[in-house]
Amino acid sequence: MTGWIVLAAGAAAGLAWLGWRRRVEVPCTLDLEATHDHFHAHAELEGVEVHEGDAVLVHDAPRHVPFGTVRTVRTRATVFQASWPRRLLVRVLGTSGITDLYEVGFEG
């Protein structure tokens, strides 16, 4: 019975390591354009590189960009950097989820 408890504790520690993320807050520049020729929103992060499994949360981004507008906004972003086991898992599994790229949307 003690062996199963040790095994379960080891599995829980392994899953915790997989889910661990380091949090980094960095300056961010948003390039926003809503014109007849282009419709995009690009975030340029300063001082950090984003890898597989990382998540980025942009703070204070404009909720609405009127049509015909080109804007550049200075703000900040929080980057949640994945642990190396999570990066590896995302890299391996990411090749099978190519159709997830089609599910892109804007909230607002």
C-alpha atoms as a PDB file:
ATOM      1  CA  MET A   1       0.000   0.000   0.000  1.00  0.00           C
ATOM      2  CA  THR A   2       2.853   2.419   0.803  1.00  0.00           C
ATOM      3  CA  GLY A   3       4.300   1.892  -2.693  1.00  0.00           C
ATOM      4  CA  TRP A   4       1.082   3.131  -4.297  1.00  0.00           C
ATOM      5  CA  ILE A   5       1.109   6.262  -2.129  1.00  0.00           C
ATOM      6  CA  VAL A   6       4.689   7.027  -3.126  1.00  0.00           C
ATOM      7  CA  LEU A   7       3.823   6.404  -6.793  1.00  0.00           C
ATOM      8  CA  ALA A   8       0.766   8.676  -6.578  1.00  0.00           C
ATOM      9  CA  ALA A   9       2.810  11.408  -4.867  1.00  0.00           C
ATOM     10  CA  GLY A  10       5.474  11.144  -7.577  1.00  0.00           C
ATOM     11  CA  ALA A  11       2.835  11.363 -10.322  1.00  0.00           C
ATOM     12  CA  ALA A  12       1.286  14.425  -8.670  1.00  0.00           C
ATOM     13  CA  ALA A  13       4.703  16.088  -8.426  1.00  0.00           C
ATOM     14  CA  GLY A  14       5.325  15.304 -12.102  1.00  0.00           C
ATOM     15  CA  LEU A  15       2.005  16.849 -13.127  1.00  0.00           C
ATOM     16  CA  ALA A  16       2.695  19.917 -10.983  1.00  0.00           C
ATOM     17  CA  TRP A  17       6.049  20.335 -12.758  1.00  0.00           C
ATOM     18  CA  LEU A  18       4.278  20.036 -16.118  1.00  0.00           C
ATOM     19  CA  GLY A  19       1.803  22.764 -15.211  1.00  0.00           C
ATOM     20  CA  TRP A  20       4.324  25.138 -13.613  1.00  0.00           C
ATOM     21  CA  ARG A  21       4.737  28.486 -15.385  1.00  0.00           C
ATOM     22  CA  ARG A  22       7.059  31.400 -14.729  1.00  0.00           C
ATOM     23  CA  ARG A  23       5.368  34.807 -14.912  1.00  0.00           C
ATOM     24  CA  VAL A  24       7.166  37.765 -16.535  1.00  0.00           C
ATOM     25  CA  GLU A  25       5.727  41.245 -17.080  1.00  0.00           C
ATOM     26  CA  VAL A  26       7.208  43.179 -20.019  1.00  0.00           C
ATOM     27  CA  PRO A  27       6.562  46.360 -22.037  1.00  0.00           C
ATOM     28  CA  CYS A  28       4.533  45.764 -25.171  1.00  0.00           C
ATOM     29  CA  THR A  29       3.801  47.694 -28.365  1.00  0.00           C
ATOM     30  CA  LEU A  30       0.520  46.998 -30.159  1.00  0.00           C
ATOM     31  CA  ASP A  31       0.292  47.684 -33.881  1.00  0.00           C
ATOM     32  CA  LEU A  32      -3.427  47.932 -34.757  1.00  0.00           C
ATOM     33  CA  GLU A  33      -4.895  48.477 -38.204  1.00  0.00           C
ATOM     34  CA  ALA A  34      -8.487  48.284 -39.443  1.00  0.00           C
ATOM     35  CA  THR A  35      -8.469  49.552 -43.029  1.00  0.00           C
ATOM     36  CA  HIS A  36      -9.721  48.341 -46.372  1.00  0.00           C
ATOM     37  CA  ASP A  37      -6.270  46.905 -47.146  1.00  0.00           C
ATOM     38  CA  HIS A  38      -5.337  45.426 -43.750  1.00  0.00           C
ATOM     39  CA  PHE A  39      -7.033  44.167 -40.621  1.00  0.00           C
ATOM     40  CA  HIS A  40      -4.530  43.085 -37.978  1.00  0.00           C
ATOM     41  CA  ALA A  41      -3.325  43.386 -34.409  1.00  0.00           C
ATOM     42  CA  HIS A  42       0.340  42.611 -33.748  1.00  0.00           C
ATOM     43  CA  ALA A  43       1.917  42.572 -30.293  1.00  0.00           C
ATOM     44  CA  GLU A  44       5.667  43.141 -30.016  1.00  0.00           C
ATOM     45  CA  LEU A  45       7.054  42.093 -26.640  1.00  0.00           C
ATOM     46  CA  GLU A  46      10.250  43.663 -25.320  1.00  0.00           C
ATOM     47  CA  GLY A  47      12.858  41.604 -23.493  1.00  0.00           C
ATOM     48  CA  VAL A  48      11.274  38.165 -23.739  1.00  0.00           C
ATOM     49  CA  GLU A  49      10.953  35.454 -26.354  1.00  0.00           C
ATOM     50  CA  VAL A  50       7.736  33.430 -26.641  1.00  0.00           C
ATOM     51  CA  HIS A  51       8.037  29.649 -27.136  1.00  0.00           C
ATOM     52  CA  GLU A  52       5.723  26.667 -27.452  1.00  0.00           C
ATOM     53  CA  GLY A  53       3.369  26.355 -24.503  1.00  0.00           C
ATOM     54  CA  ASP A  54       3.783  29.970 -23.390  1.00  0.00           C
ATOM     55  CA  ALA A  55       0.749  32.225 -22.916  1.00  0.00           C
ATOM     56  CA  VAL A  56       0.599  35.999 -23.339  1.00  0.00           C
ATOM     57  CA  LEU A  57      -1.921  38.341 -21.700  1.00  0.00           C
ATOM     58  CA  VAL A  58      -1.904  41.921 -23.073  1.00  0.00           C
ATOM     59  CA  HIS A  59      -3.135  44.527 -20.572  1.00  0.00           C
ATOM     60  CA  ASP A  60      -5.135  47.670 -21.407  1.00  0.00           C
ATOM     61  CA  ALA A  61      -5.562  46.887 -25.102  1.00  0.00           C
ATOM     62  CA  PRO A  62      -8.203  48.960 -26.927  1.00  0.00           C
ATOM     63  CA  ARG A  63     -11.516  47.120 -27.178  1.00  0.00           C
ATOM     64  CA  HIS A  64     -12.521  48.794 -30.439  1.00  0.00           C
ATOM     65  CA  VAL A  65     -10.572  50.176 -33.383  1.00  0.00           C
ATOM     66  CA  PRO A  66     -12.786  52.185 -35.758  1.00  0.00           C
ATOM     67  CA  PHE A  67     -12.645  51.254 -39.429  1.00  0.00           C
ATOM     68  CA  GLY A  68     -10.040  53.262 -41.331  1.00  0.00           C
ATOM     69  CA  THR A  69      -7.801  53.583 -38.284  1.00  0.00           C
ATOM     70  CA  VAL A  70      -4.113  52.730 -37.840  1.00  0.00           C
ATOM     71  CA  ARG A  71      -2.900  52.937 -34.224  1.00  0.00           C
ATOM     72  CA  THR A  72       0.203  52.134 -32.228  1.00  0.00           C
ATOM     73  CA  VAL A  73      -0.343  51.661 -28.500  1.00  0.00           C
ATOM     74  CA  ARG A  74       2.295  51.275 -25.774  1.00  0.00           C
ATOM     75  CA  THR A  75       1.126  48.980 -22.987  1.00  0.00           C
ATOM     76  CA  ARG A  76       2.350  46.014 -20.957  1.00  0.00           C
ATOM     77  CA  ALA A  77       1.916  42.269 -21.218  1.00  0.00           C
ATOM     78  CA  THR A  78       2.286  39.313 -18.895  1.00  0.00           C
ATOM     79  CA  VAL A  79       4.041  36.265 -20.366  1.00  0.00           C
ATOM     80  CA  PHE A  80       3.454  32.916 -18.669  1.00  0.00           C
ATOM     81  CA  GLN A  81       6.480  30.832 -19.679  1.00  0.00           C
ATOM     82  CA  ALA A  82       5.938  27.080 -19.755  1.00  0.00           C
ATOM     83  CA  SER A  83       8.247  24.579 -18.089  1.00  0.00           C
ATOM     84  CA  TRP A  84      10.486  22.520 -20.392  1.00  0.00           C
ATOM     85  CA  PRO A  85       8.332  19.332 -20.043  1.00  0.00           C
ATOM     86  CA  ARG A  86       5.260  21.329 -21.065  1.00  0.00           C
ATOM     87  CA  ARG A  87       7.123  22.855 -24.028  1.00  0.00           C
ATOM     88  CA  LEU A  88       8.138  19.391 -25.170  1.00  0.00           C
ATOM     89  CA  LEU A  89       4.586  18.069 -24.795  1.00  0.00           C
ATOM     90  CA  VAL A  90       3.133  21.011 -26.722  1.00  0.00           C
ATOM     91  CA  ARG A  91       5.724  20.598 -29.478  1.00  0.00           C
ATOM     92  CA  VAL A  92       4.918  16.885 -29.853  1.00  0.00           C
ATOM     93  CA  LEU A  93       1.137  17.273 -29.675  1.00  0.00           C
ATOM     94  CA  GLY A  94       1.015  20.542 -31.610  1.00  0.00           C
ATOM     95  CA  THR A  95       1.622  18.884 -34.954  1.00  0.00           C
ATOM     96  CA  SER A  96      -1.612  16.908 -34.604  1.00  0.00           C
ATOM     97  CA  GLY A  97      -3.768  19.975 -33.875  1.00  0.00           C
ATOM     98  CA  ILE A  98      -3.218  21.998 -37.043  1.00  0.00           C
ATOM     99  CA  THR A  99      -6.967  22.549 -37.485  1.00  0.00           C
ATOM    100  CA  ASP A 100      -7.042  24.472 -34.192  1.00  0.00           C
ATOM    101  CA  LEU A 101      -5.353  27.322 -36.063  1.00  0.00           C
ATOM    102  CA  TYR A 102      -8.590  27.908 -37.967  1.00  0.00           C
ATOM    103  CA  GLU A 103     -10.481  28.726 -34.759  1.00  0.00           C
ATOM    104  CA  VAL A 104      -9.299  32.326 -34.385  1.00  0.00           C
ATOM    105  CA  GLY A 105     -11.582  34.997 -33.013  1.00  0.00           C
ATOM    106  CA  PHE A 106     -11.672  38.432 -31.450  1.00  0.00           C
ATOM    107  CA  GLU A 107     -13.380  39.119 -28.164  1.00  0.00           C
ATOM    108  CA  GLY A 108     -15.128  42.332 -27.514  1.00  0.00           C
END
